[in-house]
């Protein structure tokens, strides 16, 4: 699931990522293989979904199947870390509804900014770990300064390939934050 910031900072919009991926797969299949193949594919998928639903209801009766969920949050930071208000609301919602062992993935993009703003953002991420949730931070473009601080709180950090110099700065910054 992806929590997408709505126009009102208190309002959350939930987008199921797997549904949009399924739609793209169906569009591609229709374009490349035709409507008949798509119809056959949907028929097979409906049958599998029905079987999975039966199996899930049997497992629910046994109460042995506790699948963990993955929640995805976006943090697009500016110099004042204004996105931390929305992040706080998202995290409060997750803590109240997620189960221990669930995972939260934060897609982080930040050029850095005010220390107190990004310190608050890092503290919000620490709340997730305190609640027993696994935290992964993904950095695609940049996570400088305060973004480093936020990333260092995570259990796992996944970053796009960076130039060697940038990788060593990333590692050094995280080690400085952790070790003091």
N, C-alpha and C. Protein backbone atom coordinates (compact mmCIF):
# COMPACT_ATOMS: atom_id res chain seq x y z
N UNK A 1 0.83 -1.17 0.00
CA UNK A 1 0.00 0.00 0.00
C UNK A 1 0.87 1.23 0.00
N UNK A 2 0.41 2.25 -0.63
CA UNK A 2 1.13 3.50 -0.69
C UNK A 2 0.26 4.57 -0.07
N UNK A 3 0.79 5.26 0.93
CA UNK A 3 0.08 6.40 1.49
C UNK A 3 0.49 7.60 0.67
N UNK A 4 -0.47 8.19 0.00
CA UNK A 4 -0.18 9.30 -0.89
C UNK A 4 -0.69 10.58 -0.27
N UNK A 5 0.15 11.64 -0.18
CA UNK A 5 -0.31 12.88 0.43
C UNK A 5 -1.42 13.52 -0.39
N UNK A 6 -2.52 13.80 0.26
CA UNK A 6 -3.64 14.46 -0.39
C UNK A 6 -3.47 15.97 -0.25
N UNK A 7 -4.42 16.73 -0.78
CA UNK A 7 -4.31 18.19 -0.71
C UNK A 7 -4.38 18.68 0.73
N UNK A 8 -5.24 18.08 1.54
CA UNK A 8 -5.33 18.43 2.94
C UNK A 8 -4.28 17.62 3.70
N UNK A 9 -3.36 18.25 4.45
CA UNK A 9 -2.27 17.51 5.05
C UNK A 9 -2.71 16.48 6.09
N UNK A 10 -3.93 16.57 6.61
CA UNK A 10 -4.41 15.62 7.60
C UNK A 10 -5.06 14.42 6.92
N UNK A 11 -5.46 14.58 5.69
CA UNK A 11 -6.17 13.54 4.95
C UNK A 11 -5.18 12.59 4.28
N UNK A 12 -5.44 11.29 4.35
CA UNK A 12 -4.58 10.30 3.72
C UNK A 12 -5.33 9.64 2.58
N UNK A 13 -4.64 9.38 1.51
CA UNK A 13 -5.21 8.67 0.38
C UNK A 13 -4.41 7.37 0.24
N UNK A 14 -5.11 6.24 0.26
CA UNK A 14 -4.45 4.94 0.17
C UNK A 14 -4.59 4.41 -1.24
N UNK A 15 -3.47 4.03 -1.83
CA UNK A 15 -3.43 3.47 -3.17
C UNK A 15 -2.86 2.06 -3.06
N UNK A 16 -3.59 1.07 -3.55
CA UNK A 16 -3.10 -0.30 -3.54
C UNK A 16 -2.19 -0.48 -4.75
N UNK A 17 -0.90 -0.62 -4.49
CA UNK A 17 0.09 -0.71 -5.56
C UNK A 17 -0.10 -1.96 -6.41
N UNK A 18 -0.52 -3.06 -5.79
CA UNK A 18 -0.66 -4.29 -6.57
C UNK A 18 -1.79 -4.19 -7.59
N UNK A 19 -2.84 -3.42 -7.29
CA UNK A 19 -3.94 -3.27 -8.26
C UNK A 19 -3.49 -2.49 -9.48
N UNK A 20 -2.73 -1.43 -9.27
CA UNK A 20 -2.25 -0.66 -10.42
C UNK A 20 -1.26 -1.48 -11.24
N UNK A 21 -0.45 -2.31 -10.58
CA UNK A 21 0.48 -3.16 -11.32
C UNK A 21 -0.28 -4.21 -12.13
N UNK A 22 -1.33 -4.77 -11.56
CA UNK A 22 -2.14 -5.75 -12.30
C UNK A 22 -2.77 -5.11 -13.53
N UNK A 23 -3.24 -3.87 -13.39
CA UNK A 23 -3.86 -3.17 -14.51
C UNK A 23 -2.85 -2.94 -15.63
N UNK A 24 -1.63 -2.54 -15.26
CA UNK A 24 -0.59 -2.34 -16.28
C UNK A 24 -0.23 -3.65 -16.97
N UNK A 25 -0.19 -4.74 -16.21
CA UNK A 25 0.11 -6.05 -16.80
C UNK A 25 -0.98 -6.44 -17.80
N UNK A 26 -2.25 -6.22 -17.43
CA UNK A 26 -3.36 -6.54 -18.33
C UNK A 26 -3.33 -5.68 -19.59
N UNK A 27 -3.01 -4.40 -19.44
CA UNK A 27 -2.92 -3.51 -20.61
C UNK A 27 -1.82 -3.98 -21.56
N UNK A 28 -0.68 -4.35 -20.99
CA UNK A 28 0.43 -4.82 -21.81
C UNK A 28 0.08 -6.14 -22.50
N UNK A 29 -0.57 -7.04 -21.77
CA UNK A 29 -0.94 -8.33 -22.36
C UNK A 29 -1.94 -8.13 -23.50
N UNK A 30 -2.90 -7.25 -23.31
CA UNK A 30 -3.88 -6.99 -24.36
C UNK A 30 -3.21 -6.40 -25.60
N UNK A 31 -2.26 -5.49 -25.38
CA UNK A 31 -1.58 -4.86 -26.50
C UNK A 31 -0.66 -5.83 -27.25
N UNK A 32 -0.04 -6.75 -26.55
CA UNK A 32 0.92 -7.64 -27.19
C UNK A 32 0.34 -8.98 -27.64
N UNK A 33 -0.66 -9.48 -26.91
CA UNK A 33 -1.16 -10.82 -27.21
C UNK A 33 -2.62 -10.85 -27.65
N UNK A 34 -3.32 -9.74 -27.49
CA UNK A 34 -4.71 -9.68 -27.95
C UNK A 34 -5.71 -9.92 -26.83
N UNK A 35 -6.98 -9.64 -27.18
CA UNK A 35 -8.05 -9.73 -26.20
C UNK A 35 -8.35 -11.16 -25.79
N UNK A 36 -8.21 -12.10 -26.70
CA UNK A 36 -8.49 -13.50 -26.37
C UNK A 36 -7.53 -14.02 -25.31
N UNK A 37 -6.25 -13.70 -25.44
CA UNK A 37 -5.26 -14.13 -24.45
C UNK A 37 -5.52 -13.45 -23.11
N UNK A 38 -5.93 -12.18 -23.16
CA UNK A 38 -6.24 -11.46 -21.93
C UNK A 38 -7.44 -12.10 -21.23
N UNK A 39 -8.44 -12.47 -22.00
CA UNK A 39 -9.63 -13.10 -21.43
C UNK A 39 -9.26 -14.43 -20.77
N UNK A 40 -8.43 -15.22 -21.43
CA UNK A 40 -7.98 -16.49 -20.87
C UNK A 40 -7.16 -16.26 -19.60
N UNK A 41 -6.30 -15.26 -19.63
CA UNK A 41 -5.48 -14.92 -18.47
C UNK A 41 -6.35 -14.54 -17.28
N UNK A 42 -7.35 -13.71 -17.52
CA UNK A 42 -8.26 -13.28 -16.44
C UNK A 42 -9.01 -14.47 -15.86
N UNK A 43 -9.40 -15.41 -16.72
CA UNK A 43 -10.11 -16.60 -16.28
C UNK A 43 -9.23 -17.43 -15.35
N UNK A 44 -7.97 -17.63 -15.74
CA UNK A 44 -7.02 -18.39 -14.93
C UNK A 44 -6.77 -17.68 -13.60
N UNK A 45 -6.59 -16.36 -13.66
CA UNK A 45 -6.34 -15.59 -12.44
C UNK A 45 -7.54 -15.62 -11.49
N UNK A 46 -8.76 -15.57 -12.03
CA UNK A 46 -9.96 -15.64 -11.20
C UNK A 46 -10.03 -16.99 -10.49
N UNK A 47 -9.68 -18.05 -11.19
CA UNK A 47 -9.68 -19.38 -10.60
C UNK A 47 -8.65 -19.47 -9.47
N UNK A 48 -7.45 -18.91 -9.71
CA UNK A 48 -6.41 -18.91 -8.68
C UNK A 48 -6.84 -18.08 -7.47
N UNK A 49 -7.49 -16.94 -7.72
CA UNK A 49 -7.96 -16.09 -6.63
C UNK A 49 -9.01 -16.81 -5.79
N UNK A 50 -9.89 -17.54 -6.46
CA UNK A 50 -10.92 -18.29 -5.75
C UNK A 50 -10.28 -19.37 -4.87
N UNK A 51 -9.28 -20.08 -5.41
CA UNK A 51 -8.59 -21.10 -4.63
C UNK A 51 -7.83 -20.47 -3.45
N UNK A 52 -7.23 -19.33 -3.68
CA UNK A 52 -6.50 -18.65 -2.61
C UNK A 52 -7.45 -18.19 -1.51
N UNK A 53 -8.64 -17.72 -1.90
CA UNK A 53 -9.63 -17.29 -0.93
C UNK A 53 -10.10 -18.47 -0.08
N UNK A 54 -10.31 -19.63 -0.71
CA UNK A 54 -10.68 -20.83 0.04
C UNK A 54 -9.59 -21.21 1.03
N UNK A 55 -8.36 -21.22 0.56
CA UNK A 55 -7.23 -21.58 1.42
C UNK A 55 -7.08 -20.59 2.56
N UNK A 56 -7.32 -19.31 2.27
CA UNK A 56 -7.19 -18.29 3.30
C UNK A 56 -8.26 -18.46 4.36
N UNK A 57 -9.48 -18.78 3.95
CA UNK A 57 -10.55 -18.97 4.93
C UNK A 57 -10.28 -20.20 5.79
N UNK A 58 -9.69 -21.25 5.22
CA UNK A 58 -9.32 -22.43 6.01
C UNK A 58 -8.23 -22.07 7.01
N UNK A 59 -7.24 -21.30 6.56
CA UNK A 59 -6.15 -20.89 7.45
C UNK A 59 -6.64 -19.95 8.53
N UNK A 60 -7.64 -19.14 8.21
CA UNK A 60 -8.18 -18.21 9.19
C UNK A 60 -8.84 -18.99 10.32
N UNK A 61 -9.51 -20.07 9.95
CA UNK A 61 -10.15 -20.91 10.96
C UNK A 61 -9.10 -21.53 11.88
N UNK A 62 -7.97 -21.92 11.31
CA UNK A 62 -6.89 -22.49 12.11
C UNK A 62 -6.14 -21.40 12.86
N UNK A 63 -6.29 -20.15 12.40
CA UNK A 63 -5.64 -18.99 13.02
C UNK A 63 -4.12 -19.11 13.01
N UNK A 64 -3.58 -19.72 11.95
CA UNK A 64 -2.14 -19.90 11.89
C UNK A 64 -1.46 -19.01 10.85
N UNK A 65 -2.24 -18.38 9.98
CA UNK A 65 -1.65 -17.61 8.89
C UNK A 65 -1.71 -16.12 9.21
N UNK A 66 -0.59 -15.58 9.65
CA UNK A 66 -0.50 -14.14 9.92
C UNK A 66 0.50 -13.55 8.96
N UNK A 67 0.05 -13.15 7.78
CA UNK A 67 0.92 -12.58 6.77
C UNK A 67 1.26 -11.15 7.14
N UNK A 68 2.51 -10.81 7.01
CA UNK A 68 2.90 -9.43 7.28
C UNK A 68 2.60 -8.56 6.07
N UNK A 69 2.39 -7.29 6.31
CA UNK A 69 2.08 -6.34 5.25
C UNK A 69 3.24 -5.37 5.09
N UNK A 70 3.31 -4.77 3.91
CA UNK A 70 4.31 -3.76 3.63
C UNK A 70 3.58 -2.47 3.29
N UNK A 71 3.93 -1.41 4.00
CA UNK A 71 3.35 -0.09 3.76
C UNK A 71 4.42 0.81 3.18
N UNK A 72 4.06 1.63 2.20
CA UNK A 72 5.02 2.51 1.54
C UNK A 72 4.63 3.96 1.80
N UNK A 73 5.59 4.73 2.30
CA UNK A 73 5.40 6.16 2.56
C UNK A 73 6.36 6.95 1.68
N UNK A 74 5.94 8.11 1.24
CA UNK A 74 6.81 9.01 0.48
C UNK A 74 7.18 10.19 1.36
N UNK A 75 8.45 10.56 1.34
CA UNK A 75 8.90 11.77 2.02
C UNK A 75 9.72 12.57 1.03
N UNK A 76 9.16 13.66 0.56
CA UNK A 76 9.84 14.55 -0.38
C UNK A 76 10.16 15.83 0.39
N UNK A 77 11.36 15.89 0.94
CA UNK A 77 11.73 16.96 1.85
C UNK A 77 12.17 18.23 1.15
N UNK A 78 11.93 19.33 1.84
CA UNK A 78 12.44 20.63 1.41
C UNK A 78 13.34 21.17 2.52
N UNK A 79 13.82 22.38 2.37
CA UNK A 79 14.79 22.91 3.33
C UNK A 79 14.21 23.07 4.73
N UNK A 80 12.88 23.29 4.83
CA UNK A 80 12.24 23.46 6.14
C UNK A 80 11.63 22.16 6.67
N UNK A 81 11.73 21.09 5.92
CA UNK A 81 11.17 19.78 6.31
C UNK A 81 9.67 19.88 6.57
N UNK A 82 8.96 20.60 5.72
CA UNK A 82 7.52 20.77 5.92
C UNK A 82 6.74 19.47 5.76
N UNK A 83 7.30 18.50 5.08
CA UNK A 83 6.62 17.22 4.88
C UNK A 83 6.56 16.40 6.16
N UNK A 84 7.26 16.82 7.22
CA UNK A 84 7.26 16.06 8.46
C UNK A 84 5.87 16.07 9.12
N UNK A 85 5.08 17.10 8.88
CA UNK A 85 3.71 17.14 9.45
C UNK A 85 2.89 15.99 8.90
N UNK A 86 2.97 15.80 7.61
CA UNK A 86 2.22 14.71 6.97
C UNK A 86 2.80 13.36 7.37
N UNK A 87 4.12 13.27 7.46
CA UNK A 87 4.78 12.03 7.87
C UNK A 87 4.32 11.63 9.27
N UNK A 88 4.20 12.59 10.16
CA UNK A 88 3.75 12.31 11.52
C UNK A 88 2.36 11.70 11.53
N UNK A 89 1.45 12.25 10.72
CA UNK A 89 0.09 11.72 10.64
C UNK A 89 0.07 10.31 10.06
N UNK A 90 0.86 10.07 9.02
CA UNK A 90 0.93 8.75 8.40
C UNK A 90 1.46 7.72 9.40
N UNK A 91 2.50 8.09 10.12
CA UNK A 91 3.11 7.17 11.08
C UNK A 91 2.16 6.88 12.24
N UNK A 92 1.46 7.90 12.71
CA UNK A 92 0.48 7.67 13.78
C UNK A 92 -0.60 6.71 13.33
N UNK A 93 -1.06 6.86 12.09
CA UNK A 93 -2.07 5.95 11.54
C UNK A 93 -1.53 4.54 11.43
N UNK A 94 -0.31 4.40 10.94
CA UNK A 94 0.30 3.07 10.81
C UNK A 94 0.48 2.40 12.16
N UNK A 95 0.96 3.13 13.13
CA UNK A 95 1.21 2.55 14.45
C UNK A 95 -0.09 2.04 15.06
N UNK A 96 -1.18 2.76 14.81
CA UNK A 96 -2.46 2.36 15.40
C UNK A 96 -3.09 1.17 14.68
N UNK A 97 -2.68 0.90 13.44
CA UNK A 97 -3.35 -0.16 12.69
C UNK A 97 -2.45 -1.31 12.25
N UNK A 98 -1.17 -1.12 12.19
CA UNK A 98 -0.26 -2.17 11.71
C UNK A 98 0.03 -3.16 12.83
N UNK A 99 0.45 -4.35 12.44
CA UNK A 99 0.82 -5.40 13.40
C UNK A 99 2.33 -5.47 13.53
N UNK A 100 2.78 -5.94 14.68
CA UNK A 100 4.23 -6.14 14.86
C UNK A 100 4.73 -7.07 13.78
N UNK A 101 5.87 -6.75 13.22
CA UNK A 101 6.43 -7.57 12.15
C UNK A 101 6.10 -7.04 10.76
N UNK A 102 5.12 -6.13 10.64
CA UNK A 102 4.86 -5.50 9.36
C UNK A 102 6.04 -4.61 9.01
N UNK A 103 6.16 -4.28 7.73
CA UNK A 103 7.29 -3.47 7.28
C UNK A 103 6.79 -2.15 6.71
N UNK A 104 7.54 -1.10 6.97
CA UNK A 104 7.27 0.22 6.41
C UNK A 104 8.46 0.59 5.54
N UNK A 105 8.19 0.94 4.29
CA UNK A 105 9.22 1.38 3.36
C UNK A 105 9.00 2.88 3.13
N UNK A 106 10.01 3.66 3.40
CA UNK A 106 9.93 5.11 3.19
C UNK A 106 10.77 5.45 1.97
N UNK A 107 10.11 6.01 0.96
CA UNK A 107 10.84 6.48 -0.23
C UNK A 107 11.25 7.92 0.07
N UNK A 108 12.53 8.11 0.28
CA UNK A 108 13.07 9.37 0.77
C UNK A 108 13.79 10.14 -0.32
N UNK A 109 13.45 11.40 -0.43
CA UNK A 109 14.18 12.31 -1.31
C UNK A 109 14.30 13.63 -0.58
N UNK A 110 15.53 14.04 -0.30
CA UNK A 110 15.73 15.27 0.45
C UNK A 110 17.12 15.81 0.19
N UNK A 111 17.17 17.09 -0.05
CA UNK A 111 18.45 17.77 -0.19
C UNK A 111 18.96 18.28 1.14
N UNK A 112 18.23 17.98 2.22
CA UNK A 112 18.64 18.43 3.55
C UNK A 112 17.97 19.73 3.91
N UNK A 113 18.28 20.22 5.09
CA UNK A 113 17.67 21.46 5.55
C UNK A 113 17.87 21.67 7.04
N UNK A 114 16.85 22.26 7.67
CA UNK A 114 16.93 22.63 9.08
C UNK A 114 17.08 21.41 9.97
N UNK A 115 18.01 21.49 10.91
CA UNK A 115 18.32 20.36 11.78
C UNK A 115 17.11 19.97 12.62
N UNK A 116 16.41 20.93 13.19
CA UNK A 116 15.29 20.57 14.07
C UNK A 116 14.14 19.94 13.27
N UNK A 117 13.94 20.34 12.03
CA UNK A 117 12.89 19.74 11.21
C UNK A 117 13.21 18.30 10.85
N UNK A 118 14.43 18.06 10.42
CA UNK A 118 14.83 16.71 10.06
C UNK A 118 15.07 15.84 11.28
N UNK A 119 15.43 16.45 12.40
CA UNK A 119 15.53 15.69 13.65
C UNK A 119 14.17 15.16 14.06
N UNK A 120 13.14 15.99 13.88
CA UNK A 120 11.77 15.55 14.18
C UNK A 120 11.35 14.43 13.22
N UNK A 121 11.73 14.55 11.97
CA UNK A 121 11.40 13.51 10.99
C UNK A 121 12.08 12.19 11.37
N UNK A 122 13.34 12.26 11.78
CA UNK A 122 14.05 11.04 12.20
C UNK A 122 13.40 10.45 13.44
N UNK A 123 12.94 11.31 14.35
CA UNK A 123 12.26 10.82 15.55
C UNK A 123 10.94 10.14 15.19
N UNK A 124 10.26 10.64 14.17
CA UNK A 124 9.02 10.01 13.73
C UNK A 124 9.30 8.61 13.19
N UNK A 125 10.38 8.47 12.43
CA UNK A 125 10.76 7.15 11.92
C UNK A 125 11.15 6.21 13.06
N UNK A 126 11.77 6.75 14.09
CA UNK A 126 12.15 5.93 15.24
C UNK A 126 10.90 5.40 15.96
N UNK A 127 9.80 6.14 15.91
CA UNK A 127 8.54 5.66 16.50
C UNK A 127 8.09 4.36 15.86
N UNK A 128 8.32 4.22 14.57
CA UNK A 128 7.94 2.99 13.88
C UNK A 128 8.70 1.79 14.44
N UNK A 129 9.99 1.96 14.64
CA UNK A 129 10.80 0.87 15.18
C UNK A 129 10.40 0.55 16.62
N UNK A 130 10.09 1.57 17.40
CA UNK A 130 9.65 1.36 18.77
C UNK A 130 8.34 0.58 18.82
N UNK A 131 7.52 0.72 17.78
CA UNK A 131 6.24 0.01 17.72
C UNK A 131 6.40 -1.42 17.21
N UNK A 132 7.63 -1.83 16.91
CA UNK A 132 7.88 -3.20 16.46
C UNK A 132 7.74 -3.40 14.96
N UNK A 133 7.76 -2.32 14.21
CA UNK A 133 7.67 -2.40 12.75
C UNK A 133 9.07 -2.35 12.16
N UNK A 134 9.26 -3.09 11.08
CA UNK A 134 10.55 -3.09 10.37
C UNK A 134 10.57 -1.86 9.46
N UNK A 135 11.67 -1.13 9.45
CA UNK A 135 11.76 0.12 8.68
C UNK A 135 12.87 0.02 7.63
N UNK A 136 12.49 0.28 6.38
CA UNK A 136 13.44 0.34 5.28
C UNK A 136 13.31 1.70 4.62
N UNK A 137 14.42 2.36 4.38
CA UNK A 137 14.43 3.64 3.69
C UNK A 137 15.06 3.43 2.32
N UNK A 138 14.37 3.90 1.29
CA UNK A 138 14.86 3.81 -0.08
C UNK A 138 15.20 5.20 -0.58
N UNK A 139 16.39 5.36 -1.11
CA UNK A 139 16.83 6.65 -1.64
C UNK A 139 17.11 6.45 -3.13
N UNK A 140 16.39 7.17 -3.96
CA UNK A 140 16.59 7.05 -5.40
C UNK A 140 17.50 8.15 -5.93
N UNK A 141 17.27 9.38 -5.52
CA UNK A 141 18.03 10.50 -6.07
C UNK A 141 19.00 11.08 -5.05
N UNK A 142 18.48 11.68 -3.98
CA UNK A 142 19.36 12.34 -3.03
C UNK A 142 18.75 12.28 -1.63
N UNK A 143 19.63 12.11 -0.66
CA UNK A 143 19.26 12.21 0.75
C UNK A 143 20.46 12.83 1.46
N UNK A 144 20.55 14.14 1.38
CA UNK A 144 21.69 14.84 1.94
C UNK A 144 21.34 15.38 3.33
N UNK A 145 22.34 15.53 4.16
CA UNK A 145 22.23 16.17 5.46
C UNK A 145 21.11 15.56 6.30
N UNK A 146 19.97 16.24 6.41
CA UNK A 146 18.85 15.73 7.19
C UNK A 146 18.30 14.43 6.63
N UNK A 147 18.41 14.26 5.33
CA UNK A 147 18.00 13.00 4.72
C UNK A 147 18.86 11.85 5.19
N UNK A 148 20.19 12.11 5.37
CA UNK A 148 21.08 11.10 5.94
C UNK A 148 20.61 10.73 7.33
N UNK A 149 20.30 11.77 8.11
CA UNK A 149 19.88 11.53 9.48
C UNK A 149 18.65 10.62 9.53
N UNK A 150 17.69 10.89 8.65
CA UNK A 150 16.48 10.06 8.60
C UNK A 150 16.83 8.63 8.19
N UNK A 151 17.68 8.48 7.20
CA UNK A 151 18.02 7.15 6.69
C UNK A 151 18.75 6.32 7.74
N UNK A 152 19.54 6.96 8.56
CA UNK A 152 20.33 6.24 9.56
C UNK A 152 19.48 5.60 10.65
N UNK A 153 18.24 6.02 10.78
CA UNK A 153 17.34 5.45 11.78
C UNK A 153 16.84 4.08 11.33
N UNK A 154 16.82 3.83 10.03
CA UNK A 154 16.20 2.64 9.45
C UNK A 154 16.95 1.36 9.77
N UNK A 155 16.22 0.24 9.69
CA UNK A 155 16.84 -1.08 9.80
C UNK A 155 17.65 -1.38 8.55
N UNK A 156 17.13 -0.97 7.39
CA UNK A 156 17.79 -1.19 6.10
C UNK A 156 17.73 0.10 5.29
N UNK A 157 18.80 0.36 4.56
CA UNK A 157 18.83 1.49 3.64
C UNK A 157 19.13 0.94 2.26
N UNK A 158 18.27 1.26 1.31
CA UNK A 158 18.46 0.84 -0.07
C UNK A 158 18.67 2.10 -0.89
N UNK A 159 19.78 2.17 -1.60
CA UNK A 159 20.08 3.37 -2.38
C UNK A 159 20.39 2.98 -3.82
N UNK A 160 20.01 3.85 -4.73
CA UNK A 160 20.36 3.67 -6.14
C UNK A 160 21.87 3.76 -6.27
N UNK A 161 22.42 3.18 -7.33
CA UNK A 161 23.87 3.25 -7.52
C UNK A 161 24.33 4.71 -7.56
N UNK A 162 25.34 5.01 -6.78
CA UNK A 162 25.87 6.36 -6.70
C UNK A 162 27.35 6.34 -7.07
N UNK A 163 27.91 7.48 -7.43
CA UNK A 163 29.35 7.52 -7.65
C UNK A 163 30.09 7.10 -6.37
N UNK A 164 31.26 6.55 -6.52
CA UNK A 164 32.01 6.02 -5.39
C UNK A 164 32.19 7.05 -4.28
N UNK A 165 32.50 8.29 -4.63
CA UNK A 165 32.70 9.33 -3.64
C UNK A 165 31.42 9.54 -2.83
N UNK A 166 30.28 9.56 -3.50
CA UNK A 166 29.02 9.77 -2.80
C UNK A 166 28.72 8.58 -1.88
N UNK A 167 29.08 7.36 -2.29
CA UNK A 167 28.85 6.20 -1.44
C UNK A 167 29.67 6.30 -0.16
N UNK A 168 30.92 6.74 -0.28
CA UNK A 168 31.75 6.83 0.92
C UNK A 168 31.25 7.94 1.83
N UNK A 169 30.75 9.03 1.28
CA UNK A 169 30.17 10.10 2.10
C UNK A 169 28.94 9.58 2.82
N UNK A 170 28.10 8.82 2.10
CA UNK A 170 26.90 8.23 2.69
C UNK A 170 27.29 7.35 3.88
N UNK A 171 28.24 6.44 3.67
CA UNK A 171 28.65 5.52 4.72
C UNK A 171 29.24 6.29 5.89
N UNK A 172 30.10 7.24 5.62
CA UNK A 172 30.74 8.02 6.67
C UNK A 172 29.70 8.79 7.48
N UNK A 173 28.73 9.39 6.81
CA UNK A 173 27.72 10.17 7.50
C UNK A 173 26.88 9.28 8.42
N UNK A 174 26.50 8.11 7.95
CA UNK A 174 25.71 7.20 8.77
C UNK A 174 26.51 6.73 9.97
N UNK A 175 27.79 6.39 9.77
CA UNK A 175 28.62 5.92 10.87
C UNK A 175 28.85 7.04 11.88
N UNK A 176 29.00 8.27 11.42
CA UNK A 176 29.17 9.40 12.32
C UNK A 176 27.92 9.58 13.17
N UNK A 177 26.75 9.47 12.54
CA UNK A 177 25.49 9.64 13.25
C UNK A 177 25.30 8.53 14.29
N UNK A 178 25.62 7.31 13.92
CA UNK A 178 25.41 6.17 14.82
C UNK A 178 26.44 6.16 15.95
N UNK A 179 27.70 6.37 15.59
CA UNK A 179 28.77 6.25 16.59
C UNK A 179 29.10 7.55 17.31
N UNK A 180 28.59 8.64 16.81
CA UNK A 180 28.81 9.93 17.46
C UNK A 180 30.01 10.62 17.06
